[in-house]
N, C-alpha and C. Protein backbone atom coordinates (compact mmCIF):
# COMPACT_ATOMS: atom_id res chain seq x y z
N MET A 1 13.88 14.91 8.34
CA MET A 1 12.84 15.82 7.90
C MET A 1 11.51 15.08 7.89
N LYS A 2 10.53 15.61 8.53
CA LYS A 2 9.20 15.02 8.56
C LYS A 2 8.32 15.71 7.52
N TYR A 3 7.46 14.92 6.92
CA TYR A 3 6.55 15.45 5.92
C TYR A 3 5.14 15.50 6.49
N GLY A 4 4.33 16.33 5.90
CA GLY A 4 2.95 16.48 6.35
C GLY A 4 2.06 15.35 5.88
N PRO A 5 0.77 15.46 6.08
CA PRO A 5 -0.15 14.40 5.70
C PRO A 5 -0.22 14.21 4.18
N LEU A 6 -0.53 12.97 3.80
CA LEU A 6 -0.70 12.61 2.40
C LEU A 6 -2.14 12.18 2.21
N ALA A 7 -2.83 12.73 1.22
CA ALA A 7 -4.20 12.32 0.92
C ALA A 7 -4.36 12.22 -0.60
N ILE A 8 -4.79 11.05 -1.05
CA ILE A 8 -5.10 10.86 -2.46
C ILE A 8 -6.55 10.40 -2.52
N ASN A 9 -7.39 11.24 -3.08
CA ASN A 9 -8.82 10.96 -3.16
C ASN A 9 -9.23 10.89 -4.63
N ALA A 10 -9.47 9.66 -5.08
CA ALA A 10 -9.86 9.45 -6.48
C ALA A 10 -11.35 9.13 -6.61
N ALA A 11 -12.12 9.51 -5.61
CA ALA A 11 -13.56 9.21 -5.62
C ALA A 11 -14.26 9.79 -6.84
N ASP A 12 -13.77 10.91 -7.35
CA ASP A 12 -14.38 11.54 -8.53
C ASP A 12 -13.75 11.09 -9.84
N ALA A 13 -12.87 10.09 -9.76
CA ALA A 13 -12.21 9.56 -10.96
C ALA A 13 -12.33 8.03 -10.96
N PRO A 14 -13.55 7.52 -11.13
CA PRO A 14 -13.77 6.07 -11.06
C PRO A 14 -12.84 5.32 -12.02
N GLY A 15 -12.28 4.23 -11.52
CA GLY A 15 -11.41 3.41 -12.35
C GLY A 15 -9.96 3.84 -12.38
N LEU A 16 -9.62 4.90 -11.64
CA LEU A 16 -8.22 5.35 -11.64
C LEU A 16 -7.33 4.24 -11.09
N MET A 17 -6.36 3.83 -11.88
CA MET A 17 -5.47 2.73 -11.49
C MET A 17 -4.02 3.22 -11.48
N ILE A 18 -3.32 2.83 -10.44
CA ILE A 18 -1.88 3.07 -10.36
C ILE A 18 -1.22 1.71 -10.50
N LYS A 19 -0.35 1.58 -11.50
CA LYS A 19 0.28 0.31 -11.82
C LYS A 19 1.77 0.33 -11.50
N GLY A 20 2.22 -0.76 -10.92
CA GLY A 20 3.65 -0.89 -10.63
C GLY A 20 4.37 -1.73 -11.66
N GLY A 21 3.63 -2.41 -12.51
CA GLY A 21 4.27 -3.23 -13.55
C GLY A 21 5.12 -4.36 -12.98
N GLY A 22 4.91 -4.72 -11.71
CA GLY A 22 5.69 -5.78 -11.09
C GLY A 22 7.12 -5.40 -10.81
N ALA A 23 7.43 -4.09 -10.89
CA ALA A 23 8.81 -3.65 -10.75
C ALA A 23 9.11 -2.88 -9.47
N ALA A 24 8.10 -2.26 -8.85
CA ALA A 24 8.38 -1.40 -7.70
C ALA A 24 7.15 -1.28 -6.80
N ARG A 25 7.41 -0.97 -5.54
CA ARG A 25 6.32 -0.66 -4.61
C ARG A 25 5.66 0.63 -5.08
N LEU A 26 4.34 0.74 -4.88
CA LEU A 26 3.61 1.91 -5.36
C LEU A 26 3.75 3.11 -4.42
N PHE A 27 3.64 2.90 -3.11
CA PHE A 27 3.75 4.00 -2.14
C PHE A 27 4.55 3.58 -0.92
N SER A 28 5.49 4.42 -0.52
CA SER A 28 6.20 4.27 0.75
C SER A 28 5.89 5.51 1.57
N VAL A 29 5.30 5.30 2.74
CA VAL A 29 4.89 6.41 3.60
C VAL A 29 5.87 6.50 4.76
N ASP A 30 6.45 7.67 4.97
CA ASP A 30 7.42 7.87 6.06
C ASP A 30 6.78 7.67 7.42
N GLU A 31 7.60 7.42 8.42
CA GLU A 31 7.08 7.24 9.78
C GLU A 31 6.44 8.52 10.30
N SER A 32 5.47 8.33 11.16
CA SER A 32 4.74 9.42 11.83
C SER A 32 3.93 10.29 10.88
N VAL A 33 3.61 9.79 9.70
CA VAL A 33 2.82 10.54 8.72
C VAL A 33 1.40 9.96 8.70
N THR A 34 0.42 10.82 8.49
CA THR A 34 -0.96 10.40 8.27
C THR A 34 -1.19 10.30 6.77
N ALA A 35 -1.67 9.14 6.31
CA ALA A 35 -1.89 8.93 4.88
C ALA A 35 -3.29 8.37 4.65
N THR A 36 -3.97 8.92 3.64
CA THR A 36 -5.32 8.48 3.29
C THR A 36 -5.39 8.20 1.80
N PHE A 37 -5.91 7.02 1.46
CA PHE A 37 -6.08 6.62 0.07
C PHE A 37 -7.56 6.30 -0.13
N ILE A 38 -8.21 6.96 -1.09
CA ILE A 38 -9.64 6.76 -1.33
C ILE A 38 -9.89 6.51 -2.82
N GLY A 39 -10.60 5.44 -3.12
CA GLY A 39 -11.08 5.20 -4.48
C GLY A 39 -10.04 4.83 -5.51
N LEU A 40 -8.93 4.24 -5.09
CA LEU A 40 -7.87 3.88 -6.03
C LEU A 40 -7.88 2.39 -6.32
N ARG A 41 -7.37 2.03 -7.48
CA ARG A 41 -7.03 0.65 -7.77
C ARG A 41 -5.50 0.60 -7.82
N LEU A 42 -4.93 -0.20 -6.95
CA LEU A 42 -3.47 -0.33 -6.85
C LEU A 42 -3.08 -1.72 -7.34
N HIS A 43 -2.41 -1.76 -8.47
CA HIS A 43 -2.19 -3.01 -9.21
C HIS A 43 -0.70 -3.22 -9.51
N GLY A 44 -0.24 -4.44 -9.24
CA GLY A 44 1.09 -4.84 -9.72
C GLY A 44 2.25 -4.23 -8.99
N GLY A 45 2.05 -3.81 -7.74
CA GLY A 45 3.18 -3.32 -6.96
C GLY A 45 4.04 -4.48 -6.50
N ARG A 46 5.33 -4.22 -6.35
CA ARG A 46 6.25 -5.28 -5.93
C ARG A 46 7.31 -4.70 -5.03
N ALA A 47 7.37 -5.23 -3.81
CA ALA A 47 8.42 -4.83 -2.88
C ALA A 47 9.62 -5.73 -3.12
N VAL A 48 10.69 -5.17 -3.59
CA VAL A 48 11.89 -5.95 -3.88
C VAL A 48 12.94 -5.63 -2.83
N GLY A 49 13.72 -6.61 -2.48
CA GLY A 49 14.74 -6.37 -1.47
C GLY A 49 15.26 -7.64 -0.86
N GLY A 50 15.83 -7.47 0.30
CA GLY A 50 16.59 -8.54 0.94
C GLY A 50 15.80 -9.56 1.73
N GLY A 51 14.67 -10.02 1.27
CA GLY A 51 13.98 -11.11 1.92
C GLY A 51 12.92 -10.72 2.93
N THR A 52 12.87 -9.46 3.35
CA THR A 52 11.83 -9.03 4.29
C THR A 52 11.18 -7.73 3.82
N SER A 53 11.05 -7.59 2.53
CA SER A 53 10.47 -6.37 1.98
C SER A 53 8.96 -6.36 2.18
N PRO A 54 8.42 -5.31 2.84
CA PRO A 54 6.99 -5.28 3.16
C PRO A 54 6.15 -4.47 2.17
N GLY A 55 4.89 -4.89 1.99
CA GLY A 55 3.90 -4.10 1.28
C GLY A 55 4.20 -3.80 -0.17
N GLY A 56 3.65 -4.60 -1.09
CA GLY A 56 3.88 -4.35 -2.51
C GLY A 56 3.19 -3.10 -3.02
N ALA A 57 2.03 -2.77 -2.48
CA ALA A 57 1.32 -1.55 -2.90
C ALA A 57 1.63 -0.39 -1.96
N ILE A 58 1.48 -0.62 -0.64
CA ILE A 58 1.72 0.44 0.35
C ILE A 58 2.52 -0.12 1.51
N SER A 59 3.58 0.55 1.87
CA SER A 59 4.35 0.23 3.06
C SER A 59 4.50 1.51 3.87
N THR A 60 4.29 1.41 5.19
CA THR A 60 4.44 2.60 6.02
C THR A 60 5.56 2.41 7.02
N GLY A 61 6.10 3.52 7.46
CA GLY A 61 7.06 3.51 8.55
C GLY A 61 6.32 3.31 9.86
N ASN A 62 7.05 3.37 10.96
CA ASN A 62 6.45 3.19 12.28
C ASN A 62 5.58 4.37 12.66
N VAL A 63 4.60 4.12 13.49
CA VAL A 63 3.73 5.13 14.11
C VAL A 63 3.04 6.01 13.07
N THR A 64 2.56 5.38 12.01
CA THR A 64 1.78 6.12 11.01
C THR A 64 0.30 5.90 11.27
N ARG A 65 -0.50 6.73 10.66
CA ARG A 65 -1.96 6.56 10.68
C ARG A 65 -2.37 6.41 9.21
N LEU A 66 -2.78 5.20 8.85
CA LEU A 66 -3.11 4.87 7.47
C LEU A 66 -4.60 4.58 7.35
N THR A 67 -5.28 5.28 6.43
CA THR A 67 -6.69 5.05 6.16
C THR A 67 -6.85 4.70 4.69
N ILE A 68 -7.54 3.59 4.44
CA ILE A 68 -7.80 3.12 3.09
C ILE A 68 -9.31 2.93 2.95
N GLN A 69 -9.91 3.60 1.96
CA GLN A 69 -11.35 3.51 1.75
C GLN A 69 -11.66 3.28 0.27
N HIS A 70 -12.54 2.34 0.00
CA HIS A 70 -13.05 2.10 -1.36
C HIS A 70 -11.93 1.87 -2.36
N CYS A 71 -10.91 1.12 -1.95
CA CYS A 71 -9.78 0.82 -2.84
C CYS A 71 -9.80 -0.65 -3.25
N ARG A 72 -9.11 -0.93 -4.34
CA ARG A 72 -8.94 -2.31 -4.80
C ARG A 72 -7.45 -2.56 -4.94
N PHE A 73 -7.01 -3.66 -4.36
CA PHE A 73 -5.61 -4.07 -4.43
C PHE A 73 -5.55 -5.40 -5.16
N ASP A 74 -4.82 -5.45 -6.27
CA ASP A 74 -4.69 -6.72 -6.96
C ASP A 74 -3.30 -6.91 -7.54
N ALA A 75 -2.85 -8.18 -7.45
CA ALA A 75 -1.58 -8.62 -8.03
C ALA A 75 -0.37 -7.89 -7.45
N ASN A 76 -0.41 -7.58 -6.17
CA ASN A 76 0.74 -6.97 -5.49
C ASN A 76 1.53 -8.07 -4.79
N VAL A 77 2.86 -7.93 -4.75
CA VAL A 77 3.74 -8.96 -4.22
C VAL A 77 4.74 -8.35 -3.26
N ALA A 78 4.96 -9.04 -2.13
CA ALA A 78 5.98 -8.63 -1.17
C ALA A 78 6.36 -9.83 -0.32
N ASP A 79 7.44 -9.72 0.43
CA ASP A 79 7.81 -10.78 1.35
C ASP A 79 6.87 -10.81 2.55
N ILE A 80 6.39 -9.64 2.98
CA ILE A 80 5.49 -9.51 4.12
C ILE A 80 4.36 -8.58 3.70
N GLY A 81 3.11 -8.97 3.92
CA GLY A 81 1.98 -8.10 3.57
C GLY A 81 1.93 -7.82 2.09
N GLY A 82 1.44 -8.75 1.31
CA GLY A 82 1.45 -8.63 -0.15
C GLY A 82 1.00 -7.29 -0.68
N ALA A 83 -0.11 -6.76 -0.17
CA ALA A 83 -0.62 -5.48 -0.66
C ALA A 83 -0.24 -4.33 0.27
N VAL A 84 -0.45 -4.51 1.59
CA VAL A 84 -0.25 -3.42 2.55
C VAL A 84 0.51 -3.94 3.77
N CYS A 85 1.48 -3.17 4.22
CA CYS A 85 2.17 -3.50 5.46
C CYS A 85 2.42 -2.19 6.21
N ALA A 86 1.90 -2.13 7.44
CA ALA A 86 2.08 -0.93 8.28
C ALA A 86 3.14 -1.20 9.33
N GLY A 87 3.94 -0.19 9.60
CA GLY A 87 5.03 -0.31 10.57
C GLY A 87 4.55 -0.43 12.01
N TYR A 88 5.48 -0.74 12.88
CA TYR A 88 5.23 -0.92 14.31
C TYR A 88 4.53 0.30 14.90
N GLY A 89 3.50 0.05 15.70
CA GLY A 89 2.80 1.13 16.39
C GLY A 89 1.88 1.94 15.50
N SER A 90 1.66 1.51 14.27
CA SER A 90 0.80 2.23 13.35
C SER A 90 -0.66 1.89 13.59
N ILE A 91 -1.54 2.80 13.20
CA ILE A 91 -2.97 2.57 13.24
C ILE A 91 -3.46 2.53 11.80
N THR A 92 -4.07 1.40 11.43
CA THR A 92 -4.52 1.21 10.05
C THR A 92 -6.02 0.94 10.04
N THR A 93 -6.75 1.69 9.22
CA THR A 93 -8.18 1.49 9.05
C THR A 93 -8.45 1.21 7.58
N ILE A 94 -9.10 0.08 7.30
CA ILE A 94 -9.45 -0.29 5.93
C ILE A 94 -10.96 -0.47 5.86
N ASP A 95 -11.60 0.28 4.96
CA ASP A 95 -13.05 0.28 4.86
C ASP A 95 -13.48 0.04 3.42
N ASP A 96 -14.38 -0.91 3.22
CA ASP A 96 -15.00 -1.16 1.92
C ASP A 96 -13.97 -1.26 0.80
N SER A 97 -12.96 -2.11 1.00
CA SER A 97 -11.90 -2.30 0.02
C SER A 97 -11.79 -3.77 -0.34
N THR A 98 -11.19 -4.04 -1.51
CA THR A 98 -11.10 -5.40 -2.03
C THR A 98 -9.64 -5.78 -2.24
N PHE A 99 -9.32 -7.03 -1.87
CA PHE A 99 -7.97 -7.57 -2.05
C PHE A 99 -8.08 -8.84 -2.87
N ILE A 100 -7.45 -8.85 -4.06
CA ILE A 100 -7.54 -9.99 -4.97
C ILE A 100 -6.15 -10.35 -5.47
N GLY A 101 -5.76 -11.60 -5.25
CA GLY A 101 -4.54 -12.12 -5.87
C GLY A 101 -3.25 -11.47 -5.41
N ASN A 102 -3.20 -10.99 -4.19
CA ASN A 102 -1.95 -10.44 -3.65
C ASN A 102 -1.16 -11.56 -3.00
N ASP A 103 0.17 -11.44 -2.98
CA ASP A 103 1.03 -12.49 -2.45
C ASP A 103 2.00 -11.92 -1.44
N GLY A 104 1.83 -12.30 -0.17
CA GLY A 104 2.73 -11.83 0.88
C GLY A 104 3.66 -12.92 1.37
N SER A 105 3.84 -13.98 0.61
CA SER A 105 4.65 -15.11 1.04
C SER A 105 6.12 -14.99 0.66
N GLY A 106 6.43 -14.02 -0.16
CA GLY A 106 7.81 -13.91 -0.66
C GLY A 106 8.06 -14.80 -1.85
N ALA A 107 7.14 -15.71 -2.16
CA ALA A 107 7.31 -16.64 -3.26
C ALA A 107 7.37 -15.95 -4.61
N GLY A 108 6.66 -14.81 -4.73
CA GLY A 108 6.63 -14.09 -5.99
C GLY A 108 7.87 -13.23 -6.23
N ASN A 109 8.69 -13.09 -5.19
CA ASN A 109 9.91 -12.29 -5.35
C ASN A 109 10.98 -13.15 -5.88
């Protein structure tokens, strides 16, 4: 089953933070989906799994179109792509966003 586009626009809610508490990834986007994140702070996401878990804040399936604007990513942990990891063949656009203290080495898992 394929899902339609996902858009989360927090531009009118300054300071909106989504917290993972170091326990779970914040967003998993299915393959072939268009996803847009605007004006969010994504904090403390953690991709847990068998040694190759991608994207502590956002992980996408293959052939997705991911747009990130005016977001802040901090303290996210994963084996691959501490904050964001896009699947094979995906198109990712990141504009005016900040990445602080994310760990994609797997060391934090």
